[in-house]
Amino acid sequence: MTDTGAGARASRSAGGSGLGHVGMRERVAAVGGRIEIGPRDRGGYLVRAWLPTT
């Protein structure tokens, strides 16, 4: 999933745990996958995961 960064900024809520990236990394690793998370060079944001199918 990618985001161009052109949209309106979402307000940050204090209600979250702050472990979104950590949680995604842990869950993907638990099934033997890998994940890329971070800002894109040309703007926006990237979340890309590879998960085993067998």
PDB file of N, CA and C in Angstrom:
ATOM      1  N   MET A   1       0.843  -1.156   0.000  1.00  0.00           N
ATOM      2  CA  MET A   1       0.000   0.000   0.000  1.00  0.00           C
ATOM      3  C   MET A   1       0.894   1.226   0.000  1.00  0.00           C
ATOM      4  N   THR A   2       0.594   2.195  -0.804  1.00  0.00           N
ATOM      5  CA  THR A   2       1.353   3.439  -0.816  1.00  0.00           C
ATOM      6  C   THR A   2       0.422   4.617  -0.670  1.00  0.00           C
ATOM      7  N   ASP A   3       0.992   5.731  -0.298  1.00  0.00           N
ATOM      8  CA  ASP A   3       0.261   6.972  -0.138  1.00  0.00           C
ATOM      9  C   ASP A   3       1.105   8.050  -0.795  1.00  0.00           C
ATOM     10  N   THR A   4       0.505   8.870  -1.629  1.00  0.00           N
ATOM     11  CA  THR A   4       1.250   9.924  -2.315  1.00  0.00           C
ATOM     12  C   THR A   4       1.617  11.072  -1.396  1.00  0.00           C
ATOM     13  N   GLY A   5       0.947  11.163  -0.262  1.00  0.00           N
ATOM     14  CA  GLY A   5       1.208  12.263   0.651  1.00  0.00           C
ATOM     15  C   GLY A   5       0.451  13.522   0.287  1.00  0.00           C
ATOM     16  N   ALA A   6      -0.385  13.467  -0.752  1.00  0.00           N
ATOM     17  CA  ALA A   6      -1.092  14.654  -1.224  1.00  0.00           C
ATOM     18  C   ALA A   6      -2.384  14.933  -0.457  1.00  0.00           C
ATOM     19  N   GLY A   7      -2.861  13.978   0.320  1.00  0.00           N
ATOM     20  CA  GLY A   7      -4.124  14.149   1.031  1.00  0.00           C
ATOM     21  C   GLY A   7      -3.998  15.017   2.262  1.00  0.00           C
ATOM     22  N   ALA A   8      -5.143  15.275   2.867  1.00  0.00           N
ATOM     23  CA  ALA A   8      -5.163  16.057   4.100  1.00  0.00           C
ATOM     24  C   ALA A   8      -4.517  15.266   5.224  1.00  0.00           C
ATOM     25  N   ARG A   9      -3.894  15.951   6.115  1.00  0.00           N
ATOM     26  CA  ARG A   9      -3.262  15.308   7.262  1.00  0.00           C
ATOM     27  C   ARG A   9      -4.322  14.847   8.254  1.00  0.00           C
ATOM     28  N   ALA A  10      -4.191  13.607   8.695  1.00  0.00           N
ATOM     29  CA  ALA A  10      -5.104  13.095   9.717  1.00  0.00           C
ATOM     30  C   ALA A  10      -4.647  13.617  11.064  1.00  0.00           C
ATOM     31  N   SER A  11      -5.602  13.913  11.926  1.00  0.00           N
ATOM     32  CA  SER A  11      -5.222  14.345  13.268  1.00  0.00           C
ATOM     33  C   SER A  11      -4.743  13.136  14.058  1.00  0.00           C
ATOM     34  N   ARG A  12      -3.758  13.334  14.879  1.00  0.00           N
ATOM     35  CA  ARG A  12      -3.226  12.240  15.694  1.00  0.00           C
ATOM     36  C   ARG A  12      -4.023  12.149  16.976  1.00  0.00           C
ATOM     37  N   SER A  13      -4.457  10.954  17.263  1.00  0.00           N
ATOM     38  CA  SER A  13      -5.235  10.712  18.469  1.00  0.00           C
ATOM     39  C   SER A  13      -4.322  10.190  19.570  1.00  0.00           C
ATOM     40  N   ALA A  14      -4.547  10.632  20.775  1.00  0.00           N
ATOM     41  CA  ALA A  14      -3.764  10.147  21.910  1.00  0.00           C
ATOM     42  C   ALA A  14      -4.256   8.783  22.375  1.00  0.00           C
ATOM     43  N   GLY A  15      -5.319   8.248  21.740  1.00  0.00           N
ATOM     44  CA  GLY A  15      -5.907   6.994  22.169  1.00  0.00           C
ATOM     45  C   GLY A  15      -5.176   5.752  21.705  1.00  0.00           C
ATOM     46  N   GLY A  16      -4.246   5.866  20.734  1.00  0.00           N
ATOM     47  CA  GLY A  16      -3.548   4.694  20.206  1.00  0.00           C
ATOM     48  C   GLY A  16      -2.436   4.229  21.127  1.00  0.00           C
ATOM     49  N   SER A  17      -1.961   3.004  20.871  1.00  0.00           N
ATOM     50  CA  SER A  17      -0.892   2.448  21.711  1.00  0.00           C
ATOM     51  C   SER A  17       0.473   2.952  21.293  1.00  0.00           C
ATOM     52  N   GLY A  18       0.595   3.489  20.054  1.00  0.00           N
ATOM     53  CA  GLY A  18       1.892   3.926  19.573  1.00  0.00           C
ATOM     54  C   GLY A  18       2.761   2.777  19.094  1.00  0.00           C
ATOM     55  N   LEU A  19       2.192   1.571  18.953  1.00  0.00           N
ATOM     56  CA  LEU A  19       2.960   0.400  18.557  1.00  0.00           C
ATOM     57  C   LEU A  19       2.549  -0.122  17.185  1.00  0.00           C
ATOM     58  N   GLY A  20       2.017   0.722  16.342  1.00  0.00           N
ATOM     59  CA  GLY A  20       1.536   0.289  15.039  1.00  0.00           C
ATOM     60  C   GLY A  20       2.594  -0.392  14.193  1.00  0.00           C
ATOM     61  N   HIS A  21       3.734   0.264  13.985  1.00  0.00           N
ATOM     62  CA  HIS A  21       4.801  -0.323  13.175  1.00  0.00           C
ATOM     63  C   HIS A  21       5.391  -1.546  13.862  1.00  0.00           C
ATOM     64  N   VAL A  22       5.621  -1.441  15.139  1.00  0.00           N
ATOM     65  CA  VAL A  22       6.180  -2.571  15.893  1.00  0.00           C
ATOM     66  C   VAL A  22       5.239  -3.762  15.815  1.00  0.00           C
ATOM     67  N   GLY A  23       3.959  -3.531  16.007  1.00  0.00           N
ATOM     68  CA  GLY A  23       2.967  -4.608  15.948  1.00  0.00           C
ATOM     69  C   GLY A  23       2.917  -5.263  14.581  1.00  0.00           C
ATOM     70  N   MET A  24       2.959  -4.444  13.516  1.00  0.00           N
ATOM     71  CA  MET A  24       2.955  -5.009  12.169  1.00  0.00           C
ATOM     72  C   MET A  24       4.209  -5.842  11.938  1.00  0.00           C
ATOM     73  N   ARG A  25       5.360  -5.325  12.358  1.00  0.00           N
ATOM     74  CA  ARG A  25       6.616  -6.070  12.185  1.00  0.00           C
ATOM     75  C   ARG A  25       6.580  -7.404  12.942  1.00  0.00           C
ATOM     76  N   GLU A  26       6.076  -7.382  14.169  1.00  0.00           N
ATOM     77  CA  GLU A  26       6.008  -8.606  14.978  1.00  0.00           C
ATOM     78  C   GLU A  26       5.084  -9.642  14.339  1.00  0.00           C
ATOM     79  N   ARG A  27       3.931  -9.209  13.859  1.00  0.00           N
ATOM     80  CA  ARG A  27       2.972 -10.143  13.271  1.00  0.00           C
ATOM     81  C   ARG A  27       3.496 -10.750  11.967  1.00  0.00           C
ATOM     82  N   VAL A  28       4.119  -9.928  11.137  1.00  0.00           N
ATOM     83  CA  VAL A  28       4.669 -10.436   9.885  1.00  0.00           C
ATOM     84  C   VAL A  28       5.817 -11.405  10.172  1.00  0.00           C
ATOM     85  N   ALA A  29       6.695 -11.056  11.111  1.00  0.00           N
ATOM     86  CA  ALA A  29       7.815 -11.933  11.464  1.00  0.00           C
ATOM     87  C   ALA A  29       7.328 -13.252  12.056  1.00  0.00           C
ATOM     88  N   ALA A  30       6.224 -13.226  12.793  1.00  0.00           N
ATOM     89  CA  ALA A  30       5.702 -14.432  13.442  1.00  0.00           C
ATOM     90  C   ALA A  30       5.297 -15.507  12.439  1.00  0.00           C
ATOM     91  N   VAL A  31       4.962 -15.096  11.215  1.00  0.00           N
ATOM     92  CA  VAL A  31       4.576 -16.076  10.194  1.00  0.00           C
ATOM     93  C   VAL A  31       5.674 -16.273   9.151  1.00  0.00           C
ATOM     94  N   GLY A  32       6.864 -15.720   9.421  1.00  0.00           N
ATOM     95  CA  GLY A  32       8.000 -15.911   8.524  1.00  0.00           C
ATOM     96  C   GLY A  32       8.051 -14.968   7.340  1.00  0.00           C
ATOM     97  N   GLY A  33       7.373 -13.831   7.449  1.00  0.00           N
ATOM     98  CA  GLY A  33       7.364 -12.858   6.358  1.00  0.00           C
ATOM     99  C   GLY A  33       8.333 -11.719   6.611  1.00  0.00           C
ATOM    100  N   ARG A  34       8.267 -10.715   5.735  1.00  0.00           N
ATOM    101  CA  ARG A  34       9.069  -9.514   5.923  1.00  0.00           C
ATOM    102  C   ARG A  34       8.240  -8.306   5.527  1.00  0.00           C
ATOM    103  N   ILE A  35       8.635  -7.130   6.008  1.00  0.00           N
ATOM    104  CA  ILE A  35       7.834  -5.928   5.793  1.00  0.00           C
ATOM    105  C   ILE A  35       8.737  -4.723   5.590  1.00  0.00           C
ATOM    106  N   GLU A  36       8.296  -3.808   4.738  1.00  0.00           N
ATOM    107  CA  GLU A  36       8.928  -2.501   4.546  1.00  0.00           C
ATOM    108  C   GLU A  36       7.930  -1.453   5.015  1.00  0.00           C
ATOM    109  N   ILE A  37       8.377  -0.539   5.837  1.00  0.00           N
ATOM    110  CA  ILE A  37       7.513   0.537   6.323  1.00  0.00           C
ATOM    111  C   ILE A  37       8.344   1.813   6.352  1.00  0.00           C
ATOM    112  N   GLY A  38       7.832   2.898   5.771  1.00  0.00           N
ATOM    113  CA  GLY A  38       8.548   4.158   5.863  1.00  0.00           C
ATOM    114  C   GLY A  38       8.196   5.136   4.763  1.00  0.00           C
ATOM    115  N   PRO A  39       8.764   6.327   4.854  1.00  0.00           N
ATOM    116  CA  PRO A  39       8.504   7.343   3.846  1.00  0.00           C
ATOM    117  C   PRO A  39       9.107   6.952   2.501  1.00  0.00           C
ATOM    118  N   ARG A  40       8.445   7.349   1.427  1.00  0.00           N
ATOM    119  CA  ARG A  40       8.930   7.091   0.064  1.00  0.00           C
ATOM    120  C   ARG A  40       9.851   8.220  -0.360  1.00  0.00           C
ATOM    121  N   ASP A  41      10.834   7.909  -1.194  1.00  0.00           N
ATOM    122  CA  ASP A  41      11.774   8.918  -1.686  1.00  0.00           C
ATOM    123  C   ASP A  41      11.069  10.039  -2.436  1.00  0.00           C
ATOM    124  N   ARG A  42      10.027   9.705  -3.180  1.00  0.00           N
ATOM    125  CA  ARG A  42       9.328  10.717  -3.984  1.00  0.00           C
ATOM    126  C   ARG A  42       8.100  11.287  -3.279  1.00  0.00           C
ATOM    127  N   GLY A  43       8.015  11.114  -1.979  1.00  0.00           N
ATOM    128  CA  GLY A  43       6.909  11.636  -1.197  1.00  0.00           C
ATOM    129  C   GLY A  43       5.906  10.566  -0.839  1.00  0.00           C
ATOM    130  N   GLY A  44       5.179  10.785   0.191  1.00  0.00           N
ATOM    131  CA  GLY A  44       4.192   9.819   0.642  1.00  0.00           C
ATOM    132  C   GLY A  44       4.789   8.765   1.557  1.00  0.00           C
ATOM    133  N   TYR A  45       4.099   7.652   1.674  1.00  0.00           N
ATOM    134  CA  TYR A  45       4.462   6.629   2.640  1.00  0.00           C
ATOM    135  C   TYR A  45       4.217   5.251   2.040  1.00  0.00           C
ATOM    136  N   LEU A  46       5.013   4.264   2.452  1.00  0.00           N
ATOM    137  CA  LEU A  46       4.916   2.917   1.913  1.00  0.00           C
ATOM    138  C   LEU A  46       4.773   1.894   3.034  1.00  0.00           C
ATOM    139  N   VAL A  47       3.847   0.961   2.850  1.00  0.00           N
ATOM    140  CA  VAL A  47       3.752  -0.235   3.698  1.00  0.00           C
ATOM    141  C   VAL A  47       3.652  -1.409   2.741  1.00  0.00           C
ATOM    142  N   ARG A  48       4.646  -2.281   2.743  1.00  0.00           N
ATOM    143  CA  ARG A  48       4.685  -3.428   1.834  1.00  0.00           C
ATOM    144  C   ARG A  48       5.097  -4.648   2.644  1.00  0.00           C
ATOM    145  N   ALA A  49       4.290  -5.711   2.566  1.00  0.00           N
ATOM    146  CA  ALA A  49       4.587  -6.938   3.306  1.00  0.00           C
ATOM    147  C   ALA A  49       4.621  -8.122   2.357  1.00  0.00           C
ATOM    148  N   TRP A  50       5.545  -9.046   2.620  1.00  0.00           N
ATOM    149  CA  TRP A  50       5.641 -10.316   1.912  1.00  0.00           C
ATOM    150  C   TRP A  50       5.330 -11.398   2.919  1.00  0.00           C
ATOM    151  N   LEU A  51       4.325 -12.210   2.619  1.00  0.00           N
ATOM    152  CA  LEU A  51       3.901 -13.272   3.534  1.00  0.00           C
ATOM    153  C   LEU A  51       4.011 -14.623   2.820  1.00  0.00           C
ATOM    154  N   PRO A  52       4.470 -15.646   3.540  1.00  0.00           N
ATOM    155  CA  PRO A  52       4.561 -16.971   2.916  1.00  0.00           C
ATOM    156  C   PRO A  52       3.163 -17.522   2.627  1.00  0.00           C
ATOM    157  N   THR A  53       3.060 -18.269   1.558  1.00  0.00           N
ATOM    158  CA  THR A  53       1.754 -18.851   1.193  1.00  0.00           C
ATOM    159  C   THR A  53       1.645 -20.324   1.554  1.00  0.00           C
ATOM    160  N   THR A  54       2.717 -20.907   2.021  1.00  0.00           N
ATOM    161  CA  THR A  54       2.659 -22.325   2.411  1.00  0.00           C
ATOM    162  C   THR A  54       3.195 -22.510   3.805  1.00  0.00           C
TER     163      THR A  54
END
